[in-house]
């Protein structure tokens, strides 16, 4: 197998691993009543952490065998893989707007990343690193605060996902910096960068987990998938001397690609904010009213059991034919 083909295969498997991790995270967020950010007692959540680690390892291996211009756009396929995988394994089908938004986000991101070229990069000084780390944590804190001020759960989840994407994106920047300056003779010389890298990775993981609660799968995953490489590319353009291919034309094409990706995120967010009537489950629509004792219409509170005090309030007028029948399990009144 040629190195290029191996790189493509590793990148595709990495995207599948990331998609599977996102599906597991979303299911944990939807079913767990425990901590929103770190459900440490959930074995499934630890499985998603392992899947994320496998995805990251495969992505790095793909970069070792293939060019960045090929591997990075393939990573944008995570959201495209996630939707059919969710439909297949957990029965979560996506509508036409969700598919449209996912494809727009993927195409826009792939176009943006394919236009970014790695020029002769320069390493970050210690001052640049600390400044970048401080600005990153400040931006994440602002987004975290804004997420808790937003009333709509979907918007809150998207903002949390954006904060996670910022954390992952800057973590990628520190990973590149450490990889370029690490030497076997001094393995701990970059310990400060490794510490910041670890803190950013953990922060991104916890924020991404919280983003899936109340927003489904597609919108938070697409937000993280887009924001992560965009932030990393922005830092590469400003601090590492990278640039867009084809000069001015490439810059214009990159802006268009960014707009398409942003439009896809908007479509996915609106898809979750709009709840059509047909989105009700078939079990809710076809549920027959229970005719047993104490049963009521859907959404009505259960009738009181015998022995409970019942306040029926004042009965106006005279009701000579009022009859109260005592059943074995419920209290019923009729006139």
C-alpha atoms as a PDB file:
ATOM      1  CA  UNK A   1       0.000   0.000   0.000  1.00  0.00           C
ATOM      2  CA  UNK A   2       1.361   3.393  -0.978  1.00  0.00           C
ATOM      3  CA  UNK A   3       1.961   5.997   1.768  1.00  0.00           C
ATOM      4  CA  UNK A   4      -0.639   8.312   0.213  1.00  0.00           C
ATOM      5  CA  UNK A   5      -3.345   5.647   0.203  1.00  0.00           C
ATOM      6  CA  UNK A   6      -2.435   4.644   3.762  1.00  0.00           C
ATOM      7  CA  UNK A   7      -2.736   8.270   4.818  1.00  0.00           C
ATOM      8  CA  UNK A   8      -6.223   8.528   3.291  1.00  0.00           C
ATOM      9  CA  UNK A   9      -7.318   5.300   4.983  1.00  0.00           C
ATOM     10  CA  UNK A  10      -6.021   6.423   8.376  1.00  0.00           C
ATOM     11  CA  UNK A  11      -7.714   9.802   8.017  1.00  0.00           C
ATOM     12  CA  UNK A  12     -11.058   8.181   7.147  1.00  0.00           C
ATOM     13  CA  UNK A  13     -10.879   5.744  10.074  1.00  0.00           C
ATOM     14  CA  UNK A  14      -9.945   8.674  12.324  1.00  0.00           C
ATOM     15  CA  UNK A  15     -13.080  10.535  11.203  1.00  0.00           C
ATOM     16  CA  UNK A  16     -15.189   7.439  11.904  1.00  0.00           C
ATOM     17  CA  UNK A  17     -13.680   7.155  15.398  1.00  0.00           C
ATOM     18  CA  UNK A  18     -14.439  10.814  16.117  1.00  0.00           C
ATOM     19  CA  UNK A  19     -18.001  10.352  14.842  1.00  0.00           C
ATOM     20  CA  UNK A  20     -18.531   7.279  17.034  1.00  0.00           C
ATOM     21  CA  UNK A  21     -17.180   9.158  20.054  1.00  0.00           C
ATOM     22  CA  UNK A  22     -19.597  12.018  19.395  1.00  0.00           C
ATOM     23  CA  UNK A  23     -22.561   9.630  19.142  1.00  0.00           C
ATOM     24  CA  UNK A  24     -21.644   8.023  22.468  1.00  0.00           C
ATOM     25  CA  UNK A  25     -21.191  11.430  24.110  1.00  0.00           C
ATOM     26  CA  UNK A  26     -24.584  12.572  22.869  1.00  0.00           C
ATOM     27  CA  UNK A  27     -26.292   9.433  24.166  1.00  0.00           C
ATOM     28  CA  UNK A  28     -24.610   9.839  27.558  1.00  0.00           C
ATOM     29  CA  UNK A  29     -25.721  13.473  27.702  1.00  0.00           C
ATOM     30  CA  UNK A  30     -29.286  12.568  26.724  1.00  0.00           C
ATOM     31  CA  UNK A  31     -29.699   9.715  29.201  1.00  0.00           C
ATOM     32  CA  UNK A  32     -27.597  10.679  32.195  1.00  0.00           C
ATOM     33  CA  UNK A  33     -29.031  12.740  35.015  1.00  0.00           C
ATOM     34  CA  UNK A  34     -25.619  13.233  36.583  1.00  0.00           C
ATOM     35  CA  UNK A  35     -22.900  15.829  35.949  1.00  0.00           C
ATOM     36  CA  UNK A  36     -23.189  17.695  32.681  1.00  0.00           C
ATOM     37  CA  UNK A  37     -19.471  18.205  32.120  1.00  0.00           C
ATOM     38  CA  UNK A  38     -17.771  15.113  33.520  1.00  0.00           C
ATOM     39  CA  UNK A  39     -19.946  12.002  33.934  1.00  0.00           C
ATOM     40  CA  UNK A  40     -17.015  10.107  35.418  1.00  0.00           C
ATOM     41  CA  UNK A  41     -19.175   7.217  36.638  1.00  0.00           C
ATOM     42  CA  UNK A  42     -20.435   6.413  33.154  1.00  0.00           C
ATOM     43  CA  UNK A  43     -18.482   3.602  31.435  1.00  0.00           C
ATOM     44  CA  UNK A  44     -19.893   4.733  28.103  1.00  0.00           C
ATOM     45  CA  UNK A  45     -18.371   8.181  28.573  1.00  0.00           C
ATOM     46  CA  UNK A  46     -14.957   6.667  29.196  1.00  0.00           C
ATOM     47  CA  UNK A  47     -15.486   4.698  26.005  1.00  0.00           C
ATOM     48  CA  UNK A  48     -16.039   7.980  24.147  1.00  0.00           C
ATOM     49  CA  UNK A  49     -12.820   9.332  25.653  1.00  0.00           C
ATOM     50  CA  UNK A  50     -10.991   6.258  24.343  1.00  0.00           C
ATOM     51  CA  UNK A  51     -12.548   6.705  20.894  1.00  0.00           C
ATOM     52  CA  UNK A  52     -11.448  10.347  20.826  1.00  0.00           C
ATOM     53  CA  UNK A  53      -7.920   9.252  21.713  1.00  0.00           C
ATOM     54  CA  UNK A  54      -7.946   6.665  18.924  1.00  0.00           C
ATOM     55  CA  UNK A  55      -9.183   9.298  16.471  1.00  0.00           C
ATOM     56  CA  UNK A  56      -6.436  11.725  17.462  1.00  0.00           C
ATOM     57  CA  UNK A  57      -3.746   9.038  17.201  1.00  0.00           C
ATOM     58  CA  UNK A  58      -4.912   7.963  13.760  1.00  0.00           C
ATOM     59  CA  UNK A  59      -5.056  11.582  12.613  1.00  0.00           C
ATOM     60  CA  UNK A  60      -1.445  12.159  13.664  1.00  0.00           C
ATOM     61  CA  UNK A  61      -0.421   8.915  11.937  1.00  0.00           C
ATOM     62  CA  UNK A  62      -2.196  10.049   8.766  1.00  0.00           C
ATOM     63  CA  UNK A  63      -0.222  13.293   8.841  1.00  0.00           C
ATOM     64  CA  UNK A  64       2.978  11.268   9.094  1.00  0.00           C
ATOM     65  CA  UNK A  65       2.207   9.471   5.801  1.00  0.00           C
ATOM     66  CA  UNK A  66       0.367  12.141   3.813  1.00  0.00           C
ATOM     67  CA  UNK A  67       0.314  15.895   3.205  1.00  0.00           C
ATOM     68  CA  UNK A  68      -1.565  18.270   5.475  1.00  0.00           C
ATOM     69  CA  UNK A  69      -3.574  19.591   2.516  1.00  0.00           C
ATOM     70  CA  UNK A  70      -5.124  16.132   2.073  1.00  0.00           C
ATOM     71  CA  UNK A  71      -5.469  14.876   5.650  1.00  0.00           C
ATOM     72  CA  UNK A  72      -7.083  17.972   7.181  1.00  0.00           C
ATOM     73  CA  UNK A  73     -10.006  18.204   4.704  1.00  0.00           C
ATOM     74  CA  UNK A  74     -10.721  14.486   5.186  1.00  0.00           C
ATOM     75  CA  UNK A  75     -11.091  15.149   8.898  1.00  0.00           C
ATOM     76  CA  UNK A  76     -14.074  17.356   8.071  1.00  0.00           C
ATOM     77  CA  UNK A  77     -16.006  14.207   7.082  1.00  0.00           C
ATOM     78  CA  UNK A  78     -16.677  13.473  10.763  1.00  0.00           C
ATOM     79  CA  UNK A  79     -20.111  15.108  10.698  1.00  0.00           C
ATOM     80  CA  UNK A  80     -21.030  13.356   7.430  1.00  0.00           C
ATOM     81  CA  UNK A  81     -20.146   9.968   8.942  1.00  0.00           C
ATOM     82  CA  UNK A  82     -21.912  10.744  12.222  1.00  0.00           C
ATOM     83  CA  UNK A  83     -25.407  11.235  10.777  1.00  0.00           C
ATOM     84  CA  UNK A  84     -25.828   7.824   9.073  1.00  0.00           C
ATOM     85  CA  UNK A  85     -24.016   6.105  11.952  1.00  0.00           C
ATOM     86  CA  UNK A  86     -26.474   7.652  14.420  1.00  0.00           C
ATOM     87  CA  UNK A  87     -29.405   6.516  12.269  1.00  0.00           C
ATOM     88  CA  UNK A  88     -27.979   3.002  12.010  1.00  0.00           C
ATOM     89  CA  UNK A  89     -26.913   2.367  15.587  1.00  0.00           C
ATOM     90  CA  UNK A  90     -29.214   4.492  17.762  1.00  0.00           C
ATOM     91  CA  UNK A  91     -32.164   5.136  15.446  1.00  0.00           C
ATOM     92  CA  UNK A  92     -31.594   8.908  15.353  1.00  0.00           C
ATOM     93  CA  UNK A  93     -32.544   9.955  11.819  1.00  0.00           C
ATOM     94  CA  UNK A  94     -31.615  13.385  10.488  1.00  0.00           C
ATOM     95  CA  UNK A  95     -33.976  15.542   8.444  1.00  0.00           C
ATOM     96  CA  UNK A  96     -33.265  17.227   5.138  1.00  0.00           C
ATOM     97  CA  UNK A  97     -32.218  20.505   6.770  1.00  0.00           C
ATOM     98  CA  UNK A  98     -29.746  18.702   9.026  1.00  0.00           C
ATOM     99  CA  UNK A  99     -28.220  16.894   6.056  1.00  0.00           C
ATOM    100  CA  UNK A 100     -28.047  20.120   4.086  1.00  0.00           C
ATOM    101  CA  UNK A 101     -26.339  21.901   6.954  1.00  0.00           C
ATOM    102  CA  UNK A 102     -23.897  19.036   7.527  1.00  0.00           C
ATOM    103  CA  UNK A 103     -22.903  18.918   3.855  1.00  0.00           C
ATOM    104  CA  UNK A 104     -22.520  22.715   3.701  1.00  0.00           C
ATOM    105  CA  UNK A 105     -20.325  22.715   6.825  1.00  0.00           C
ATOM    106  CA  UNK A 106     -18.191  19.852   5.495  1.00  0.00           C
ATOM    107  CA  UNK A 107     -17.731  21.276   1.997  1.00  0.00           C
ATOM    108  CA  UNK A 108     -16.953  24.743   3.321  1.00  0.00           C
ATOM    109  CA  UNK A 109     -14.465  23.464   5.864  1.00  0.00           C
ATOM    110  CA  UNK A 110     -12.795  21.114   3.379  1.00  0.00           C
ATOM    111  CA  UNK A 111     -12.436  23.970   0.904  1.00  0.00           C
ATOM    112  CA  UNK A 112     -10.988  26.269   3.537  1.00  0.00           C
ATOM    113  CA  UNK A 113      -8.450  23.718   4.741  1.00  0.00           C
ATOM    114  CA  UNK A 114      -7.437  22.698   1.222  1.00  0.00           C
ATOM    115  CA  UNK A 115      -6.544  26.311   0.453  1.00  0.00           C
ATOM    116  CA  UNK A 116      -4.260  26.663   3.487  1.00  0.00           C
ATOM    117  CA  UNK A 117      -0.625  25.980   2.746  1.00  0.00           C
ATOM    118  CA  UNK A 118       2.136  25.429   5.250  1.00  0.00           C
ATOM    119  CA  UNK A 119       4.767  27.991   4.511  1.00  0.00           C
ATOM    120  CA  UNK A 120       8.088  28.037   6.316  1.00  0.00           C
ATOM    121  CA  UNK A 121       6.814  28.174   9.857  1.00  0.00           C
ATOM    122  CA  UNK A 122       8.470  29.749  12.844  1.00  0.00           C
ATOM    123  CA  UNK A 123       8.308  28.465  16.391  1.00  0.00           C
ATOM    124  CA  UNK A 124       6.556  30.303  19.187  1.00  0.00           C
ATOM    125  CA  UNK A 125       8.602  32.024  21.830  1.00  0.00           C
ATOM    126  CA  UNK A 126       7.775  31.574  25.502  1.00  0.00           C
ATOM    127  CA  UNK A 127       6.148  34.996  25.560  1.00  0.00           C
ATOM    128  CA  UNK A 128       3.977  34.145  22.547  1.00  0.00           C
ATOM    129  CA  UNK A 129       2.947  30.877  24.136  1.00  0.00           C
ATOM    130  CA  UNK A 130       1.838  32.420  27.392  1.00  0.00           C
ATOM    131  CA  UNK A 131       0.051  35.229  25.573  1.00  0.00           C
ATOM    132  CA  UNK A 132      -1.740  32.734  23.332  1.00  0.00           C
ATOM    133  CA  UNK A 133      -2.677  30.537  26.306  1.00  0.00           C
ATOM    134  CA  UNK A 134      -3.988  33.505  28.279  1.00  0.00           C
ATOM    135  CA  UNK A 135      -6.050  34.816  25.362  1.00  0.00           C
ATOM    136  CA  UNK A 136      -7.434  31.321  24.715  1.00  0.00           C
ATOM    137  CA  UNK A 137      -8.604  30.751  28.273  1.00  0.00           C
ATOM    138  CA  UNK A 138     -10.090  34.258  28.309  1.00  0.00           C
ATOM    139  CA  UNK A 139     -12.072  33.569  25.120  1.00  0.00           C
ATOM    140  CA  UNK A 140     -13.222  30.195  26.475  1.00  0.00           C
ATOM    141  CA  UNK A 141     -14.311  31.853  29.733  1.00  0.00           C
ATOM    142  CA  UNK A 142     -16.300  34.489  27.824  1.00  0.00           C
ATOM    143  CA  UNK A 143     -18.022  31.834  25.709  1.00  0.00           C
ATOM    144  CA  UNK A 144     -18.700  29.735  28.805  1.00  0.00           C
ATOM    145  CA  UNK A 145     -20.320  32.707  30.533  1.00  0.00           C
ATOM    146  CA  UNK A 146     -22.314  33.605  27.436  1.00  0.00           C
ATOM    147  CA  UNK A 147     -23.584  30.026  27.184  1.00  0.00           C
ATOM    148  CA  UNK A 148     -25.081  30.272  30.658  1.00  0.00           C
ATOM    149  CA  UNK A 149     -26.753  33.580  29.805  1.00  0.00           C
ATOM    150  CA  UNK A 150     -28.481  32.194  26.707  1.00  0.00           C
ATOM    151  CA  UNK A 151     -32.059  31.118  27.304  1.00  0.00           C
ATOM    152  CA  UNK A 152     -32.441  28.603  24.459  1.00  0.00           C
ATOM    153  CA  UNK A 153     -30.840  25.237  25.154  1.00  0.00           C
ATOM    154  CA  UNK A 154     -29.782  24.754  21.524  1.00  0.00           C
ATOM    155  CA  UNK A 155     -27.971  28.085  21.372  1.00  0.00           C
ATOM    156  CA  UNK A 156     -26.351  27.368  24.725  1.00  0.00           C
ATOM    157  CA  UNK A 157     -25.071  24.048  23.407  1.00  0.00           C
ATOM    158  CA  UNK A 158     -23.721  25.627  20.223  1.00  0.00           C
ATOM    159  CA  UNK A 159     -21.840  28.274  22.236  1.00  0.00           C
ATOM    160  CA  UNK A 160     -20.377  25.566  24.482  1.00  0.00           C
ATOM    161  CA  UNK A 161     -19.362  23.621  21.371  1.00  0.00           C
ATOM    162  CA  UNK A 162     -17.683  26.741  19.986  1.00  0.00           C
ATOM    163  CA  UNK A 163     -15.724  27.073  23.242  1.00  0.00           C
ATOM    164  CA  UNK A 164     -14.711  23.411  22.941  1.00  0.00           C
ATOM    165  CA  UNK A 165     -13.607  24.024  19.346  1.00  0.00           C
ATOM    166  CA  UNK A 166     -11.442  26.948  20.454  1.00  0.00           C
ATOM    167  CA  UNK A 167      -9.806  24.764  23.119  1.00  0.00           C
ATOM    168  CA  UNK A 168      -9.142  21.924  20.678  1.00  0.00           C
ATOM    169  CA  UNK A 169      -7.871  24.304  17.998  1.00  0.00           C
ATOM    170  CA  UNK A 170      -5.296  25.967  20.244  1.00  0.00           C
ATOM    171  CA  UNK A 171      -4.370  22.554  21.635  1.00  0.00           C
ATOM    172  CA  UNK A 172      -3.491  21.600  18.040  1.00  0.00           C
ATOM    173  CA  UNK A 173      -1.281  24.684  17.813  1.00  0.00           C
ATOM    174  CA  UNK A 174       0.596  23.720  20.977  1.00  0.00           C
ATOM    175  CA  UNK A 175       0.878  20.143  19.710  1.00  0.00           C
ATOM    176  CA  UNK A 176       2.573  21.410  16.550  1.00  0.00           C
ATOM    177  CA  UNK A 177       4.885  23.650  18.545  1.00  0.00           C
ATOM    178  CA  UNK A 178       5.897  20.851  20.919  1.00  0.00           C
ATOM    179  CA  UNK A 179       6.395  18.369  18.059  1.00  0.00           C
ATOM    180  CA  UNK A 180       8.719  20.745  16.228  1.00  0.00           C
ATOM    181  CA  UNK A 181      10.896  21.587  19.246  1.00  0.00           C
ATOM    182  CA  UNK A 182      10.919  18.292  21.136  1.00  0.00           C
ATOM    183  CA  UNK A 183      14.264  16.470  21.262  1.00  0.00           C
ATOM    184  CA  UNK A 184      15.079  13.044  22.745  1.00  0.00           C
ATOM    185  CA  UNK A 185      17.951  14.546  24.708  1.00  0.00           C
ATOM    186  CA  UNK A 186      15.636  16.864  26.663  1.00  0.00           C
ATOM    187  CA  UNK A 187      12.221  15.194  26.762  1.00  0.00           C
ATOM    188  CA  UNK A 188      10.867  17.474  29.505  1.00  0.00           C
ATOM    189  CA  UNK A 189      12.165  20.752  28.106  1.00  0.00           C
ATOM    190  CA  UNK A 190       8.682  21.555  26.775  1.00  0.00           C
ATOM    191  CA  UNK A 191       6.856  20.724  29.994  1.00  0.00           C
ATOM    192  CA  UNK A 192       5.080  24.086  30.181  1.00  0.00           C
ATOM    193  CA  UNK A 193       3.662  23.674  26.677  1.00  0.00           C
ATOM    194  CA  UNK A 194       2.650  20.098  27.502  1.00  0.00           C
ATOM    195  CA  UNK A 195       0.869  21.344  30.633  1.00  0.00           C
ATOM    196  CA  UNK A 196      -1.069  23.970  28.665  1.00  0.00           C
ATOM    197  CA  UNK A 197      -1.808  21.403  25.946  1.00  0.00           C
ATOM    198  CA  UNK A 198      -3.236  18.960  28.500  1.00  0.00           C
ATOM    199  CA  UNK A 199      -5.361  21.648  30.146  1.00  0.00           C
ATOM    200  CA  UNK A 200      -6.785  22.720  26.777  1.00  0.00           C
ATOM    201  CA  UNK A 201      -7.523  19.141  25.729  1.00  0.00           C
ATOM    202  CA  UNK A 202      -9.362  18.362  28.981  1.00  0.00           C
ATOM    203  CA  UNK A 203     -11.268  21.661  28.813  1.00  0.00           C
ATOM    204  CA  UNK A 204     -12.357  20.949  25.253  1.00  0.00           C
ATOM    205  CA  UNK A 205     -13.459  17.420  26.144  1.00  0.00           C
ATOM    206  CA  UNK A 206     -15.596  18.557  29.090  1.00  0.00           C
ATOM    207  CA  UNK A 207     -17.161  21.439  27.155  1.00  0.00           C
ATOM    208  CA  UNK A 208     -17.969  19.226  24.189  1.00  0.00           C
ATOM    209  CA  UNK A 209     -19.637  16.708  26.498  1.00  0.00           C
ATOM    210  CA  UNK A 210     -21.836  19.448  27.984  1.00  0.00           C
ATOM    211  CA  UNK A 211     -22.716  20.783  24.538  1.00  0.00           C
ATOM    212  CA  UNK A 212     -24.617  17.621  23.595  1.00  0.00           C
ATOM    213  CA  UNK A 213     -27.207  17.984  26.352  1.00  0.00           C
ATOM    214  CA  UNK A 214     -30.438  19.319  24.901  1.00  0.00           C
ATOM    215  CA  UNK A 215     -29.133  19.939  21.372  1.00  0.00           C
ATOM    216  CA  UNK A 216     -28.882  16.524  19.750  1.00  0.00           C
ATOM    217  CA  UNK A 217     -25.855  15.377  17.793  1.00  0.00           C
ATOM    218  CA  UNK A 218     -25.444  17.323  14.558  1.00  0.00           C
ATOM    219  CA  UNK A 219     -25.282  20.976  15.657  1.00  0.00           C
ATOM    220  CA  UNK A 220     -22.686  20.617  18.484  1.00  0.00           C
ATOM    221  CA  UNK A 221     -20.547  18.153  16.501  1.00  0.00           C
ATOM    222  CA  UNK A 222     -20.531  20.353  13.400  1.00  0.00           C
ATOM    223  CA  UNK A 223     -19.644  23.399  15.497  1.00  0.00           C
ATOM    224  CA  UNK A 224     -16.666  21.673  17.109  1.00  0.00           C
ATOM    225  CA  UNK A 225     -15.598  20.167  13.770  1.00  0.00           C
ATOM    226  CA  UNK A 226     -15.609  23.571  12.061  1.00  0.00           C
ATOM    227  CA  UNK A 227     -14.321  25.835  14.852  1.00  0.00           C
ATOM    228  CA  UNK A 228     -11.407  23.574  15.777  1.00  0.00           C
ATOM    229  CA  UNK A 229      -9.459  23.687  12.474  1.00  0.00           C
ATOM    230  CA  UNK A 230     -10.565  27.240  11.683  1.00  0.00           C
ATOM    231  CA  UNK A 231      -9.056  28.524  14.938  1.00  0.00           C
ATOM    232  CA  UNK A 232      -5.892  26.489  14.339  1.00  0.00           C
ATOM    233  CA  UNK A 233      -5.651  27.804  10.775  1.00  0.00           C
ATOM    234  CA  UNK A 234      -6.169  31.399  11.954  1.00  0.00           C
ATOM    235  CA  UNK A 235      -3.301  31.045  14.426  1.00  0.00           C
ATOM    236  CA  UNK A 236      -1.176  29.431  11.724  1.00  0.00           C
ATOM    237  CA  UNK A 237      -1.825  32.356   9.389  1.00  0.00           C
ATOM    238  CA  UNK A 238      -0.982  34.971  12.021  1.00  0.00           C
ATOM    239  CA  UNK A 239       1.780  33.342  14.081  1.00  0.00           C
ATOM    240  CA  UNK A 240       3.308  30.535  12.008  1.00  0.00           C
ATOM    241  CA  UNK A 241       3.679  32.313   8.675  1.00  0.00           C
ATOM    242  CA  UNK A 242       1.191  30.118   6.817  1.00  0.00           C
ATOM    243  CA  UNK A 243      -0.842  31.501   3.925  1.00  0.00           C
ATOM    244  CA  UNK A 244      -3.566  30.692   1.413  1.00  0.00           C
ATOM    245  CA  UNK A 245      -2.768  29.170  -1.946  1.00  0.00           C
ATOM    246  CA  UNK A 246      -3.210  31.123  -5.199  1.00  0.00           C
ATOM    247  CA  UNK A 247      -2.759  34.577  -3.678  1.00  0.00           C
ATOM    248  CA  UNK A 248      -5.743  36.909  -3.749  1.00  0.00           C
ATOM    249  CA  UNK A 249      -7.943  34.395  -5.559  1.00  0.00           C
ATOM    250  CA  UNK A 250      -7.209  31.811  -2.885  1.00  0.00           C
ATOM    251  CA  UNK A 251      -8.041  34.291  -0.135  1.00  0.00           C
ATOM    252  CA  UNK A 252     -11.395  35.096  -1.760  1.00  0.00           C
ATOM    253  CA  UNK A 253     -12.131  31.379  -2.195  1.00  0.00           C
ATOM    254  CA  UNK A 254     -11.234  30.786   1.453  1.00  0.00           C
ATOM    255  CA  UNK A 255     -13.648  33.505   2.555  1.00  0.00           C
ATOM    256  CA  UNK A 256     -16.399  31.951   0.447  1.00  0.00           C
ATOM    257  CA  UNK A 257     -15.653  28.530   1.916  1.00  0.00           C
ATOM    258  CA  UNK A 258     -15.817  29.993   5.408  1.00  0.00           C
ATOM    259  CA  UNK A 259     -19.197  31.559   4.622  1.00  0.00           C
ATOM    260  CA  UNK A 260     -20.520  28.216   3.326  1.00  0.00           C
ATOM    261  CA  UNK A 261     -19.340  26.448   6.490  1.00  0.00           C
ATOM    262  CA  UNK A 262     -20.937  29.134   8.675  1.00  0.00           C
ATOM    263  CA  UNK A 263     -24.183  28.788   6.710  1.00  0.00           C
ATOM    264  CA  UNK A 264     -24.144  25.065   7.376  1.00  0.00           C
ATOM    265  CA  UNK A 265     -23.813  25.688  11.118  1.00  0.00           C
ATOM    266  CA  UNK A 266     -26.762  28.080  10.981  1.00  0.00           C
ATOM    267  CA  UNK A 267     -28.849  25.448   9.169  1.00  0.00           C
ATOM    268  CA  UNK A 268     -28.009  22.837  11.799  1.00  0.00           C
ATOM    269  CA  UNK A 269     -28.822  25.214  14.652  1.00  0.00           C
ATOM    270  CA  UNK A 270     -32.154  26.200  13.124  1.00  0.00           C
ATOM    271  CA  UNK A 271     -32.946  22.538  12.535  1.00  0.00           C
ATOM    272  CA  UNK A 272     -32.711  21.840  16.267  1.00  0.00           C
ATOM    273  CA  UNK A 273     -34.546  25.043  17.250  1.00  0.00           C
ATOM    274  CA  UNK A 274     -37.514  24.183  15.000  1.00  0.00           C
ATOM    275  CA  UNK A 275     -39.562  21.283  16.371  1.00  0.00           C
ATOM    276  CA  UNK A 276     -42.215  20.299  13.809  1.00  0.00           C
ATOM    277  CA  UNK A 277     -45.357  18.477  14.814  1.00  0.00           C
ATOM    278  CA  UNK A 278     -44.307  15.358  12.936  1.00  0.00           C
ATOM    279  CA  UNK A 279     -41.224  15.084  15.144  1.00  0.00           C
ATOM    280  CA  UNK A 280     -43.353  13.508  17.860  1.00  0.00           C
ATOM    281  CA  UNK A 281     -42.542   9.864  18.306  1.00  0.00           C
ATOM    282  CA  UNK A 282     -44.891   7.291  16.924  1.00  0.00           C
ATOM    283  CA  UNK A 283     -45.360   5.863  20.381  1.00  0.00           C
ATOM    284  CA  UNK A 284     -46.671   9.221  21.632  1.00  0.00           C
ATOM    285  CA  UNK A 285     -48.982   9.695  18.662  1.00  0.00           C
ATOM    286  CA  UNK A 286     -50.436   6.210  18.738  1.00  0.00           C
ATOM    287  CA  UNK A 287     -50.748   5.809  22.493  1.00  0.00           C
ATOM    288  CA  UNK A 288     -54.173   4.603  23.599  1.00  0.00           C
ATOM    289  CA  UNK A 289     -55.600   6.027  26.800  1.00  0.00           C
ATOM    290  CA  UNK A 290     -55.389   3.655  29.698  1.00  0.00           C
ATOM    291  CA  UNK A 291     -58.796   2.438  30.738  1.00  0.00           C
ATOM    292  CA  UNK A 292     -57.623   1.003  34.017  1.00  0.00           C
ATOM    293  CA  UNK A 293     -58.273   2.427  37.435  1.00  0.00           C
ATOM    294  CA  UNK A 294     -56.787   5.841  38.052  1.00  0.00           C
ATOM    295  CA  UNK A 295     -56.081   6.447  34.376  1.00  0.00           C
ATOM    296  CA  UNK A 296     -56.506   9.864  32.823  1.00  0.00           C
ATOM    297  CA  UNK A 297     -55.756  11.672  29.606  1.00  0.00           C
ATOM    298  CA  UNK A 298     -52.137  12.133  28.539  1.00  0.00           C
ATOM    299  CA  UNK A 299     -50.463  14.797  30.607  1.00  0.00           C
ATOM    300  CA  UNK A 300     -53.130  14.746  33.347  1.00  0.00           C
ATOM    301  CA  UNK A 301     -51.933  14.049  36.874  1.00  0.00           C
ATOM    302  CA  UNK A 302     -52.729  10.675  38.375  1.00  0.00           C
ATOM    303  CA  UNK A 303     -55.876  10.415  40.449  1.00  0.00           C
ATOM    304  CA  UNK A 304     -55.475  10.309  44.214  1.00  0.00           C
ATOM    305  CA  UNK A 305     -55.276   7.002  45.999  1.00  0.00           C
ATOM    306  CA  UNK A 306     -57.715   5.998  48.735  1.00  0.00           C
ATOM    307  CA  UNK A 307     -56.619   7.502  52.002  1.00  0.00           C
ATOM    308  CA  UNK A 308     -55.328  10.742  50.492  1.00  0.00           C
ATOM    309  CA  UNK A 309     -56.979  13.972  51.437  1.00  0.00           C
ATOM    310  CA  UNK A 310     -58.710  15.555  48.441  1.00  0.00           C
ATOM    311  CA  UNK A 311     -59.684  19.227  48.409  1.00  0.00           C
ATOM    312  CA  UNK A 312     -62.554  19.591  45.929  1.00  0.00           C
ATOM    313  CA  UNK A 313     -63.267  23.193  46.873  1.00  0.00           C
ATOM    314  CA  UNK A 314     -66.627  24.795  47.349  1.00  0.00           C
ATOM    315  CA  UNK A 315     -69.570  23.330  45.406  1.00  0.00           C
ATOM    316  CA  UNK A 316     -71.892  26.186  44.362  1.00  0.00           C
ATOM    317  CA  UNK A 317     -75.638  25.671  44.425  1.00  0.00           C
ATOM    318  CA  UNK A 318     -77.567  22.610  45.445  1.00  0.00           C
ATOM    319  CA  UNK A 319     -76.623  19.257  43.878  1.00  0.00           C
ATOM    320  CA  UNK A 320     -79.198  16.741  45.191  1.00  0.00           C
ATOM    321  CA  UNK A 321     -78.145  14.114  42.654  1.00  0.00           C
ATOM    322  CA  UNK A 322     -74.410  14.390  43.397  1.00  0.00           C
ATOM    323  CA  UNK A 323     -72.996  10.911  43.923  1.00  0.00           C
ATOM    324  CA  UNK A 324     -69.526   9.986  45.098  1.00  0.00           C
ATOM    325  CA  UNK A 325     -68.451   6.453  44.376  1.00  0.00           C
ATOM    326  CA  UNK A 326     -65.488   4.942  46.226  1.00  0.00           C
ATOM    327  CA  UNK A 327     -63.350   2.567  44.203  1.00  0.00           C
ATOM    328  CA  UNK A 328     -60.675   0.280  45.496  1.00  0.00           C
ATOM    329  CA  UNK A 329     -57.810   2.369  44.084  1.00  0.00           C
ATOM    330  CA  UNK A 330     -59.167   5.773  43.111  1.00  0.00           C
ATOM    331  CA  UNK A 331     -61.732   8.392  43.977  1.00  0.00           C
ATOM    332  CA  UNK A 332     -64.279   9.195  41.254  1.00  0.00           C
ATOM    333  CA  UNK A 333     -67.088  11.749  41.253  1.00  0.00           C
ATOM    334  CA  UNK A 334     -69.961  12.180  38.869  1.00  0.00           C
ATOM    335  CA  UNK A 335     -73.177  14.176  38.796  1.00  0.00           C
END
